[in-house]
Amino acid sequence: MKSTFPGDSALNADRRARDLASVTEGEVDLVVIGGGFTGVGVALDAAARGLSVALVERGDLASGTSSWSSKLAHGGLRYLAKADIGIAWESAVERGRLMNTIAPHLIRPLPMIFPLHPGIGRVEAAVTSAGFHAGDALRMLARTPKELLPHPRRVSAAAVRRLAPTTDAAGLRGGLLSWDGQLIDDVRLVVALARTAADHGARIITYAEATDIEPGRVHVRDRLTGDEHTIGAKQIVNAAGVWSDTLSDEVELAPSKGSHILVQAARLGHPEAAITAPVPGHFGRYVFAVPWHNGLVMIGLTDDPHHGPIPERAHPDGDEETFLLDTINAVLGDKLTPEDIVGSYAGFRPLIKSTGASASADLSRRHALLRDSRTGALTIVGGKLTAYRRMAEDAVDAVVEAGGLSAGPCRTAELGLVGKGTPAPGLPERLVAVFGTEAAKVAAYGDADPGLNEPVREGIPLTGAEVRFAVEHELALTVEDVIDRRSRWGLVDADRTDLYDAVVRLAPELIAESRHEG
């Protein structure tokens, strides 16, 4: 069954309704369950090979773990520290592909400074520097140019203070400067993947919960209407992340909670680099204070085992906030306090249970493909954000072989996402930084109605044009989709109510999430 919308990347409520109706009328080559990085990556890989694809997601795109990351495309330094060369190499290769070819408009080089304060001994400094240079060697082998990610080097104490003004100057003997990749936003990358998959004919259906899997069939409940549907499929991929085990009795996960707190960038002197603070007693583990847009700095992350049900929306608890503050304060002169926290979030990694691991940080980040003996569905779990593309390639290879499907070779290593390219001249820089070439479509809303160029509220530069674009092109169906994911202003607690009301005025067709919970 081929899509009726090939060559069209716009996703909206009308297209969702038509796609949902069409997939219940026949059989597709592949149903993908889950709309995070892994699921949309699988959908894009399969659609680009010529397969008919339907993706169902119980909430919004990236509404699970994928929207609660550190927004970094890591090169694998942490795994070098654990001598896990395979994952480190995979990370370096995939980071290079993202930054060079797939989404250069959505990923930027990020300087990272490791202050050499009195708590860092000479041996630790030397070993850390050696690790940075080993990571740089992987960068070179992966053919990521040094113009994009420069060589690591030692810098003076004055340079550290220029990059991170609130770093403790007492006893500071310089710092180690390295570089990594930073996503403009994790949700924005997921949305670009989904729209690119749609451009290749995939049907992307959010707020459609997979309630059961049978051989060759997925039962789905439309969470907007309550209607039940059945989708026929030659192959099924379960990419539901930390909820994967609810659809397969043979999957055992050990979820790990990763928490972040948000502070105003002004409170840290508007740092130009991510500040790296080692976690005491855990070599190779760090807490980062990462400059982000919207005048915020993210401080994270934790890596703690989670027991019990996975909540829809999570925040760090008091102990986690204390851990993050204490760790980053060890390198700051002007210490942060709980009163400086303006927002927070937490996500859960779908790690594979291992009897030999004593803590979540010890569990492997390798991904695994697990075939369910009852349903025949393929579950993909584990892995890292940076390696989503390789995970998807492995999953599609597996379903093509298992189902004897007629498919072309994997194309995603060289396939650019929606928004890649040279933007038209004269577009607002803020829009180009977020949307790439799609900034022209956003700006067109303001050209047609100049009122849509106005910020939704003083102090929040989000415009009505961006809200309308989210609704008509990016599959925003609820108010929360706009304020929490298409923009991230909803993460700042003090702005949330005003922003909610403004978005309702601009897009009255949007639904409040409370109307479809359950």
Protein backbone atom coordinates (compact mmCIF):
# COMPACT_ATOMS: atom_id res chain seq x y z
CA MET A 1 0.00 0.00 0.00
CA LYS A 2 1.63 3.24 -1.14
CA SER A 3 1.02 6.61 0.45
CA THR A 4 -1.19 9.16 -1.26
CA PHE A 5 1.19 11.93 -0.09
CA PRO A 6 4.68 11.08 -1.45
CA GLY A 7 6.79 14.18 -1.92
CA ASP A 8 4.87 16.15 0.72
CA SER A 9 6.46 16.68 4.15
CA ALA A 10 3.61 18.70 5.70
CA LEU A 11 2.04 16.90 8.67
CA ASN A 12 -1.23 18.11 10.19
CA ALA A 13 -4.55 16.95 11.58
CA ASP A 14 -6.20 16.49 8.18
CA ARG A 15 -3.37 14.36 6.85
CA ARG A 16 -3.34 12.32 10.05
CA ALA A 17 -7.05 11.54 9.66
CA ARG A 18 -6.62 10.48 6.04
CA ASP A 19 -3.55 8.40 6.84
CA LEU A 20 -5.30 6.62 9.71
CA ALA A 21 -8.29 5.82 7.50
CA SER A 22 -6.11 4.52 4.68
CA VAL A 23 -3.94 2.16 6.76
CA THR A 24 -6.99 0.35 8.12
CA GLU A 25 -8.15 -0.52 4.60
CA GLY A 26 -5.28 -2.81 3.59
CA GLU A 27 -1.87 -4.11 4.59
CA VAL A 28 1.40 -2.18 4.85
CA ASP A 29 4.89 -3.59 4.65
CA LEU A 30 5.81 -2.26 8.09
CA VAL A 31 4.09 -0.86 11.16
CA VAL A 32 6.38 1.02 13.54
CA ILE A 33 5.21 1.55 17.11
CA GLY A 34 6.80 4.60 18.75
CA GLY A 35 7.41 8.17 17.59
CA GLY A 36 10.74 8.93 19.24
CA PHE A 37 14.19 8.96 17.64
CA THR A 38 14.28 5.22 17.08
CA GLY A 39 10.76 4.88 15.71
CA VAL A 40 10.90 7.80 13.28
CA GLY A 41 14.39 6.69 12.28
CA VAL A 42 13.03 3.24 11.40
CA ALA A 43 10.10 4.78 9.52
CA LEU A 44 12.42 7.00 7.46
CA ASP A 45 14.88 4.20 6.69
CA ALA A 46 12.10 1.85 5.57
CA ALA A 47 10.20 4.46 3.54
CA ALA A 48 13.39 5.59 1.82
CA ARG A 49 13.96 1.98 0.74
CA GLY A 50 10.56 1.93 -0.93
CA LEU A 51 8.55 0.11 1.73
CA SER A 52 5.02 1.14 2.72
CA VAL A 53 5.16 2.31 6.34
CA ALA A 54 2.73 3.32 9.05
CA LEU A 55 4.03 4.74 12.32
CA VAL A 56 1.74 4.94 15.35
CA GLU A 57 2.60 6.87 18.51
CA ARG A 58 0.43 7.01 21.64
CA GLY A 59 1.25 10.67 22.26
CA ASP A 60 3.03 13.41 20.35
CA LEU A 61 6.23 12.98 18.39
CA ALA A 62 9.13 12.77 20.86
CA SER A 63 6.76 13.03 23.83
CA GLY A 64 8.64 10.28 25.67
CA THR A 65 12.37 10.02 26.35
CA SER A 66 13.38 11.68 23.08
CA SER A 67 12.31 15.15 24.25
CA TRP A 68 14.12 14.92 27.59
CA SER A 69 17.73 14.41 26.48
CA SER A 70 20.81 16.55 27.03
CA LYS A 71 20.47 17.80 23.41
CA LEU A 72 23.98 16.54 22.61
CA ALA A 73 25.25 14.44 19.72
CA HIS A 74 28.08 12.83 21.69
CA GLY A 75 31.21 11.50 20.07
CA GLY A 76 31.50 8.67 22.58
CA LEU A 77 34.10 9.98 25.03
CA ARG A 78 32.35 8.35 27.99
CA TYR A 79 32.56 4.96 26.28
CA LEU A 80 36.25 5.40 25.59
CA ALA A 81 36.68 5.84 29.34
CA LYS A 82 34.99 2.45 29.78
CA ALA A 83 37.14 0.95 26.99
CA ASP A 84 33.98 0.31 24.94
CA ILE A 85 35.64 1.15 21.65
CA GLY A 86 32.78 -0.19 19.52
CA ILE A 87 30.15 2.20 20.90
CA ALA A 88 32.64 5.09 20.93
CA TRP A 89 33.46 4.51 17.26
CA GLU A 90 29.81 4.17 16.27
CA SER A 91 29.04 7.40 18.12
CA ALA A 92 31.87 9.29 16.40
CA VAL A 93 30.80 8.07 12.95
CA GLU A 94 27.11 8.85 13.46
CA ARG A 95 27.85 12.25 14.99
CA GLY A 96 29.89 13.09 11.89
CA ARG A 97 27.08 12.02 9.60
CA LEU A 98 24.57 14.14 11.49
CA MET A 99 26.75 17.24 11.48
CA ASN A 100 28.07 16.90 7.92
CA THR A 101 25.28 15.39 5.88
CA ILE A 102 22.00 14.57 7.59
CA ALA A 103 21.12 17.63 9.67
CA PRO A 104 23.84 20.29 9.65
CA HIS A 105 21.07 22.89 10.07
CA LEU A 106 19.99 21.35 13.39
CA ILE A 107 23.34 20.54 15.03
CA ARG A 108 26.07 22.97 16.02
CA PRO A 109 29.64 22.59 17.32
CA LEU A 110 29.68 23.07 21.09
CA PRO A 111 32.83 24.06 22.97
CA MET A 112 33.16 22.25 26.29
CA ILE A 113 35.47 23.41 29.07
CA PHE A 114 36.86 21.17 31.81
CA PRO A 115 38.19 23.57 34.50
CA LEU A 116 41.40 22.46 36.18
CA HIS A 117 40.59 23.56 39.72
CA PRO A 118 42.45 22.38 42.85
CA GLY A 119 40.22 19.32 43.13
CA ILE A 120 41.60 17.96 39.85
CA GLY A 121 44.99 16.37 40.38
CA ARG A 122 47.78 16.27 37.80
CA VAL A 123 47.20 12.60 37.02
CA GLU A 124 43.45 13.04 36.55
CA ALA A 125 44.07 16.07 34.32
CA ALA A 126 46.56 14.12 32.21
CA VAL A 127 44.27 11.11 31.85
CA THR A 128 41.30 13.34 30.97
CA SER A 129 43.38 15.18 28.37
CA ALA A 130 44.48 11.85 26.89
CA GLY A 131 40.82 10.83 26.67
CA PHE A 132 39.94 14.04 24.81
CA HIS A 133 42.77 13.42 22.35
CA ALA A 134 41.67 9.81 21.88
CA GLY A 135 38.18 11.11 21.10
CA ASP A 136 39.75 13.53 18.62
CA ALA A 137 41.51 10.62 16.94
CA LEU A 138 38.12 8.94 16.49
CA ARG A 139 36.80 12.21 15.10
CA MET A 140 39.56 12.24 12.50
CA LEU A 141 39.07 8.56 11.62
CA ALA A 142 35.35 9.28 11.21
CA ARG A 143 36.33 12.07 8.78
CA THR A 144 34.61 14.85 10.68
CA PRO A 145 36.63 17.95 9.70
CA LYS A 146 38.56 19.88 12.32
CA GLU A 147 36.93 23.05 11.00
CA LEU A 148 33.70 21.63 12.42
CA LEU A 149 35.09 20.11 15.62
CA PRO A 150 38.54 21.57 16.39
CA HIS A 151 41.35 19.72 18.13
CA PRO A 152 41.17 19.68 21.95
CA ARG A 153 43.73 21.83 23.73
CA ARG A 154 44.69 23.25 27.08
CA VAL A 155 43.73 26.89 27.67
CA SER A 156 44.64 29.50 30.27
CA ALA A 157 42.66 30.34 33.38
CA ALA A 158 41.71 33.65 31.75
CA ALA A 159 40.33 31.78 28.73
CA VAL A 160 38.30 29.52 31.01
CA ARG A 161 36.79 32.56 32.68
CA ARG A 162 35.97 34.15 29.33
CA LEU A 163 34.13 31.00 28.22
CA ALA A 164 32.47 30.38 31.59
CA PRO A 165 32.56 33.59 33.66
CA THR A 166 31.32 32.09 36.94
CA THR A 167 33.98 29.38 37.09
CA ASP A 168 35.78 29.47 40.43
CA ALA A 169 38.97 31.48 39.94
CA ALA A 170 40.57 30.30 43.20
CA GLY A 171 43.46 27.99 42.34
CA LEU A 172 42.31 27.68 38.73
CA ARG A 173 45.27 26.60 36.60
CA GLY A 174 43.54 26.64 33.22
CA GLY A 175 41.24 24.20 31.54
CA LEU A 176 40.87 21.53 28.88
CA LEU A 177 38.86 22.71 25.88
CA SER A 178 37.17 20.13 23.67
CA TRP A 179 34.27 20.10 21.19
CA ASP A 180 31.15 18.04 20.62
CA GLY A 181 27.86 18.32 18.74
CA GLN A 182 24.81 20.11 20.16
CA LEU A 183 21.28 19.72 18.84
CA ILE A 184 19.30 22.92 18.41
CA ASP A 185 16.64 20.80 20.06
CA ASP A 186 15.99 17.06 20.28
CA VAL A 187 12.29 17.39 19.38
CA ARG A 188 13.12 19.51 16.34
CA LEU A 189 15.34 16.71 15.03
CA VAL A 190 12.62 14.10 15.64
CA VAL A 191 10.05 16.27 13.84
CA ALA A 192 12.44 16.73 10.90
CA LEU A 193 12.94 12.96 10.73
CA ALA A 194 9.18 12.37 10.79
CA ARG A 195 8.51 14.97 8.10
CA THR A 196 11.28 13.54 5.92
CA ALA A 197 9.78 10.07 6.37
CA ALA A 198 6.39 11.50 5.36
CA ASP A 199 8.05 13.08 2.34
CA HIS A 200 9.04 9.53 1.33
CA GLY A 201 5.49 8.26 1.79
CA ALA A 202 5.39 7.12 5.42
CA ARG A 203 2.17 7.64 7.33
CA ILE A 204 2.88 9.32 10.68
CA ILE A 205 -0.07 8.91 13.05
CA THR A 206 0.24 10.40 16.54
CA TYR A 207 -2.17 9.99 19.44
CA ALA A 208 -2.79 6.45 18.25
CA GLU A 209 -2.00 3.90 20.94
CA ALA A 210 -0.98 0.36 20.04
CA THR A 211 -3.03 -1.71 22.50
CA ASP A 212 -2.05 -5.18 21.30
CA ILE A 213 0.07 -6.98 18.73
CA GLU A 214 -0.90 -10.18 16.95
CA PRO A 215 0.97 -11.90 14.12
CA GLY A 216 0.48 -9.60 11.14
CA ARG A 217 -1.78 -7.14 12.97
CA VAL A 218 -1.53 -4.17 15.31
CA HIS A 219 -4.60 -3.06 17.26
CA VAL A 220 -4.73 0.70 17.72
CA ARG A 221 -6.93 3.06 19.72
CA ASP A 222 -7.31 6.62 18.44
CA ARG A 223 -6.79 8.67 21.60
CA LEU A 224 -8.51 11.69 20.05
CA THR A 225 -11.78 9.90 19.26
CA GLY A 226 -11.66 6.64 21.23
CA ASP A 227 -12.19 4.63 18.02
CA GLU A 228 -10.51 1.23 17.70
CA HIS A 229 -8.64 0.22 14.53
CA THR A 230 -6.62 -2.72 13.24
CA ILE A 231 -3.66 -2.27 10.90
CA GLY A 232 -2.43 -5.19 8.84
CA ALA A 233 1.34 -5.46 8.49
CA LYS A 234 3.83 -7.83 6.94
CA GLN A 235 6.33 -6.82 9.62
CA ILE A 236 6.10 -4.95 12.94
CA VAL A 237 8.78 -3.02 14.82
CA ASN A 238 8.21 -2.18 18.48
CA ALA A 239 10.21 0.99 19.12
CA ALA A 240 8.23 2.18 22.12
CA GLY A 241 11.30 2.84 24.25
CA VAL A 242 10.76 2.37 27.98
CA TRP A 243 7.20 1.22 27.24
CA SER A 244 8.38 -1.57 24.90
CA ASP A 245 7.92 -4.23 27.53
CA THR A 246 4.18 -3.48 27.72
CA LEU A 247 3.87 -4.90 24.19
CA SER A 248 6.15 -7.92 24.62
CA ASP A 249 6.40 -10.30 27.55
CA GLU A 250 9.88 -11.29 26.40
CA VAL A 251 11.49 -7.86 26.82
CA GLU A 252 13.13 -7.09 30.19
CA LEU A 253 14.22 -3.52 30.74
CA ALA A 254 16.09 -1.74 33.50
CA PRO A 255 15.03 1.89 32.96
CA SER A 256 17.50 4.57 33.94
CA LYS A 257 16.31 8.05 34.92
CA GLY A 258 18.20 11.02 33.54
CA SER A 259 17.31 14.35 35.13
CA HIS A 260 18.11 17.95 34.22
CA ILE A 261 17.53 21.29 35.88
CA LEU A 262 17.29 24.63 34.10
CA VAL A 263 18.73 27.95 35.23
CA GLN A 264 18.84 31.34 33.58
CA ALA A 265 21.98 31.81 31.48
CA ALA A 266 22.48 35.22 33.10
CA ARG A 267 22.94 33.47 36.45
CA LEU A 268 26.08 31.82 35.02
CA GLY A 269 27.32 34.92 33.23
CA HIS A 270 25.99 33.78 29.83
CA PRO A 271 28.57 31.02 29.29
CA GLU A 272 29.84 30.42 25.76
CA ALA A 273 30.89 26.84 26.47
CA ALA A 274 29.45 23.89 28.32
CA ILE A 275 30.98 23.59 31.76
CA THR A 276 32.13 20.07 32.59
CA ALA A 277 32.27 18.90 36.21
CA PRO A 278 33.45 15.37 37.10
CA VAL A 279 31.23 13.24 39.31
CA PRO A 280 33.33 12.42 42.40
CA GLY A 281 34.27 8.76 42.60
CA HIS A 282 33.04 7.94 39.07
CA PHE A 283 35.80 8.37 36.51
CA GLY A 284 34.41 9.19 33.09
CA ARG A 285 31.07 10.50 34.41
CA TYR A 286 30.34 14.20 34.29
CA VAL A 287 27.65 16.76 34.97
CA PHE A 288 27.39 19.39 32.25
CA ALA A 289 26.06 22.93 32.36
CA VAL A 290 25.12 23.40 28.71
CA PRO A 291 24.14 26.77 27.18
CA TRP A 292 20.84 26.38 25.35
CA HIS A 293 18.54 28.75 23.51
CA ASN A 294 15.80 30.78 25.20
CA GLY A 295 18.40 32.21 27.58
CA LEU A 296 18.66 28.97 29.55
CA VAL A 297 21.39 26.63 30.70
CA MET A 298 20.66 22.91 31.16
CA ILE A 299 22.46 21.17 34.02
CA GLY A 300 22.49 17.39 33.83
CA LEU A 301 22.38 14.61 34.00
CA THR A 302 21.72 11.89 36.52
CA ASP A 303 21.90 8.17 35.76
CA ASP A 304 19.84 6.34 38.35
CA PRO A 305 17.80 3.12 38.22
CA HIS A 306 14.05 3.58 38.11
CA HIS A 307 11.59 1.10 39.56
CA GLY A 308 7.85 1.05 38.98
CA PRO A 309 5.61 2.55 36.30
CA ILE A 310 7.03 5.11 33.88
CA PRO A 311 5.25 8.47 34.27
CA GLU A 312 4.15 10.50 31.26
CA ARG A 313 6.01 13.55 32.57
CA ALA A 314 8.79 13.35 35.14
CA HIS A 315 10.96 15.77 37.08
CA PRO A 316 14.03 15.32 39.24
CA ASP A 317 13.37 14.68 42.90
CA GLY A 318 15.04 16.62 45.69
CA ASP A 319 18.03 14.30 45.93
CA GLU A 320 18.66 14.51 42.18
CA GLU A 321 18.49 18.31 42.22
CA THR A 322 20.93 18.36 45.13
CA PHE A 323 23.32 16.00 43.30
CA LEU A 324 23.31 18.18 40.17
CA LEU A 325 23.78 21.42 42.10
CA ASP A 326 26.53 20.01 44.33
CA THR A 327 28.44 18.55 41.38
CA ILE A 328 28.37 21.67 39.21
CA ASN A 329 28.94 23.98 42.19
CA ALA A 330 32.27 22.27 42.77
CA VAL A 331 33.67 24.20 39.81
CA LEU A 332 31.74 27.46 40.28
CA GLY A 333 32.75 30.48 42.30
CA ASP A 334 29.22 31.87 42.60
CA LYS A 335 27.30 28.82 43.82
CA LEU A 336 23.86 28.00 42.51
CA THR A 337 20.98 27.43 44.92
CA PRO A 338 17.61 25.68 44.55
CA GLU A 339 16.04 29.12 44.12
CA ASP A 340 17.98 29.51 40.86
CA ILE A 341 16.13 26.59 39.26
CA VAL A 342 13.50 27.90 36.83
CA GLY A 343 12.45 24.55 35.35
CA SER A 344 13.36 20.89 35.19
CA TYR A 345 12.71 17.66 33.33
CA ALA A 346 13.61 13.98 33.37
CA GLY A 347 13.55 11.14 30.89
CA PHE A 348 14.04 7.38 31.03
CA ARG A 349 16.50 5.34 29.01
CA PRO A 350 15.27 1.90 27.84
CA LEU A 351 18.34 -0.05 28.95
CA ILE A 352 18.45 -3.81 28.71
CA LYS A 353 18.44 -5.63 32.03
CA SER A 354 21.76 -7.22 32.93
CA THR A 355 22.53 -9.40 35.94
CA GLY A 356 26.13 -8.22 36.05
CA ALA A 357 25.54 -4.48 36.38
CA SER A 358 25.58 -2.86 39.80
CA ALA A 359 24.14 0.48 38.68
CA SER A 360 22.38 2.06 35.70
CA ALA A 361 25.61 3.75 34.66
CA ASP A 362 27.17 0.28 34.24
CA LEU A 363 24.50 -1.01 31.84
CA SER A 364 25.46 -1.18 28.19
CA ARG A 365 24.22 1.48 25.77
CA ARG A 366 24.39 -1.04 22.93
CA HIS A 367 21.11 -1.56 21.15
CA ALA A 368 19.46 -4.94 20.81
CA LEU A 369 16.96 -6.48 18.39
CA LEU A 370 14.61 -8.95 20.07
CA ARG A 371 12.14 -11.07 18.10
CA ASP A 372 8.91 -11.92 19.99
CA SER A 373 8.14 -15.62 19.61
CA ARG A 374 4.35 -15.11 19.95
CA THR A 375 3.73 -12.11 17.69
CA GLY A 376 6.80 -12.11 15.46
CA ALA A 377 7.26 -8.38 16.19
CA LEU A 378 10.81 -7.06 16.38
CA THR A 379 11.55 -4.96 19.46
CA ILE A 380 14.48 -2.54 19.36
CA VAL A 381 15.76 -1.25 22.70
CA GLY A 382 18.90 0.23 24.22
CA GLY A 383 21.20 2.43 22.21
CA LYS A 384 21.92 6.16 22.21
CA LEU A 385 20.37 9.22 20.61
CA THR A 386 23.45 9.83 18.46
CA ALA A 387 23.26 6.32 16.99
CA TYR A 388 19.51 6.34 16.18
CA ARG A 389 20.24 6.05 12.43
CA ARG A 390 22.40 2.95 12.79
CA MET A 391 19.81 1.38 15.10
CA ALA A 392 17.13 2.02 12.50
CA GLU A 393 19.27 0.56 9.71
CA ASP A 394 19.83 -2.64 11.68
CA ALA A 395 16.11 -2.95 12.46
CA VAL A 396 15.02 -2.47 8.86
CA ASP A 397 17.68 -4.90 7.63
CA ALA A 398 16.22 -7.45 10.05
CA VAL A 399 12.57 -7.02 9.03
CA VAL A 400 13.40 -7.02 5.32
CA GLU A 401 15.22 -10.33 5.73
CA ALA A 402 12.60 -11.88 8.03
CA GLY A 403 9.67 -10.86 5.86
CA GLY A 404 11.29 -11.38 2.48
CA LEU A 405 10.33 -7.80 1.63
CA SER A 406 11.37 -6.18 -1.63
CA ALA A 407 13.42 -3.18 -0.56
CA GLY A 408 16.33 -1.14 -1.79
CA PRO A 409 19.55 -0.54 0.15
CA CYS A 410 19.74 1.75 3.17
CA ARG A 411 19.95 5.39 2.07
CA THR A 412 19.89 7.31 5.34
CA ALA A 413 23.65 7.74 5.76
CA GLU A 414 23.56 10.27 2.93
CA LEU A 415 19.96 11.48 3.15
CA GLY A 416 19.50 15.06 4.32
CA LEU A 417 16.47 15.99 6.41
CA VAL A 418 13.77 18.54 5.72
CA GLY A 419 15.24 22.03 6.23
CA LYS A 420 18.76 21.21 5.08
CA GLY A 421 20.23 23.54 2.46
CA THR A 422 21.01 27.19 1.88
CA PRO A 423 18.23 29.43 3.22
CA ALA A 424 16.84 32.20 1.08
CA PRO A 425 18.49 35.58 1.79
CA GLY A 426 16.82 38.06 4.08
CA LEU A 427 15.13 35.59 6.42
CA PRO A 428 15.23 36.29 10.17
CA GLU A 429 18.33 34.68 11.66
CA ARG A 430 16.37 33.31 14.62
CA LEU A 431 14.05 31.40 12.29
CA VAL A 432 16.91 30.09 10.14
CA ALA A 433 18.69 28.81 13.25
CA VAL A 434 15.63 26.75 14.20
CA PHE A 435 14.06 25.79 10.86
CA GLY A 436 16.83 25.92 8.25
CA THR A 437 15.39 26.39 4.75
CA GLU A 438 11.89 25.85 6.17
CA ALA A 439 12.24 29.33 7.71
CA ALA A 440 10.87 30.68 4.42
CA LYS A 441 7.57 28.85 4.98
CA VAL A 442 7.37 30.15 8.54
CA ALA A 443 8.09 33.70 7.42
CA ALA A 444 5.37 33.44 4.76
CA TYR A 445 2.72 33.32 7.49
CA GLY A 446 3.93 36.69 8.74
CA ASP A 447 4.07 38.08 5.22
CA ALA A 448 0.39 37.15 4.74
CA ASP A 449 -0.61 38.43 8.17
CA PRO A 450 1.93 40.82 9.77
CA GLY A 451 0.26 40.32 13.14
CA LEU A 452 1.68 36.80 13.20
CA ASN A 453 5.20 38.28 13.34
CA GLU A 454 4.53 39.55 16.84
CA PRO A 455 5.83 37.60 19.85
CA VAL A 456 3.15 35.68 21.69
CA ARG A 457 4.16 37.53 24.84
CA GLU A 458 6.72 40.12 25.87
CA GLY A 459 9.97 38.37 26.70
CA ILE A 460 9.11 35.25 24.67
CA PRO A 461 10.16 35.61 21.01
CA LEU A 462 7.93 32.75 19.82
CA THR A 463 5.68 34.21 17.12
CA GLY A 464 2.22 33.46 15.87
CA ALA A 465 3.76 32.41 12.55
CA GLU A 466 5.69 29.66 14.33
CA VAL A 467 2.55 28.49 16.08
CA ARG A 468 0.63 28.27 12.80
CA PHE A 469 3.53 26.45 11.12
CA ALA A 470 3.61 23.92 13.97
CA VAL A 471 -0.10 23.23 13.49
CA GLU A 472 -0.13 23.07 9.70
CA HIS A 473 3.26 21.46 8.98
CA GLU A 474 4.62 19.81 12.13
CA LEU A 475 1.67 17.76 13.40
CA ALA A 476 1.05 19.80 16.54
CA LEU A 477 -2.42 18.64 17.63
CA THR A 478 -2.54 19.88 21.23
CA VAL A 479 -1.58 23.06 23.03
CA GLU A 480 1.10 21.10 24.86
CA ASP A 481 2.57 19.92 21.56
CA VAL A 482 3.32 23.56 20.77
CA ILE A 483 4.51 24.90 24.12
CA ASP A 484 6.39 21.82 25.33
CA ARG A 485 7.82 20.40 22.11
CA ARG A 486 7.60 22.56 18.93
CA SER A 487 8.86 25.34 21.18
CA ARG A 488 10.35 24.63 24.61
CA TRP A 489 9.12 27.70 26.44
CA GLY A 490 6.72 25.56 28.45
CA LEU A 491 9.71 24.19 30.37
CA VAL A 492 10.02 27.49 32.25
CA ASP A 493 7.40 27.22 34.96
CA ALA A 494 6.82 30.98 35.30
CA ASP A 495 6.01 31.36 31.57
CA ARG A 496 3.77 28.36 31.11
CA THR A 497 0.31 29.78 31.86
CA ASP A 498 0.72 32.94 29.76
CA LEU A 499 2.14 30.93 26.90
CA TYR A 500 -0.70 28.41 27.05
CA ASP A 501 -3.33 31.13 26.82
CA ALA A 502 -1.54 32.87 23.93
CA VAL A 503 -1.28 29.66 21.89
CA VAL A 504 -4.98 28.90 22.43
CA ARG A 505 -5.83 32.31 20.96
CA LEU A 506 -3.59 31.75 17.93
CA ALA A 507 -4.68 28.17 17.27
CA PRO A 508 -8.13 27.53 18.73
CA GLU A 509 -8.36 24.18 16.92
CA LEU A 510 -5.71 22.71 19.21
CA ILE A 511 -6.82 20.25 21.87
CA ALA A 512 -6.04 20.38 25.59
CA GLU A 513 -4.26 17.16 26.55
CA SER A 514 -6.68 16.58 29.43
CA ARG A 515 -9.38 15.86 26.82
CA HIS A 516 -7.65 12.74 25.50
CA GLU A 517 -5.88 11.32 28.54
CA GLY A 518 -6.42 7.71 29.42
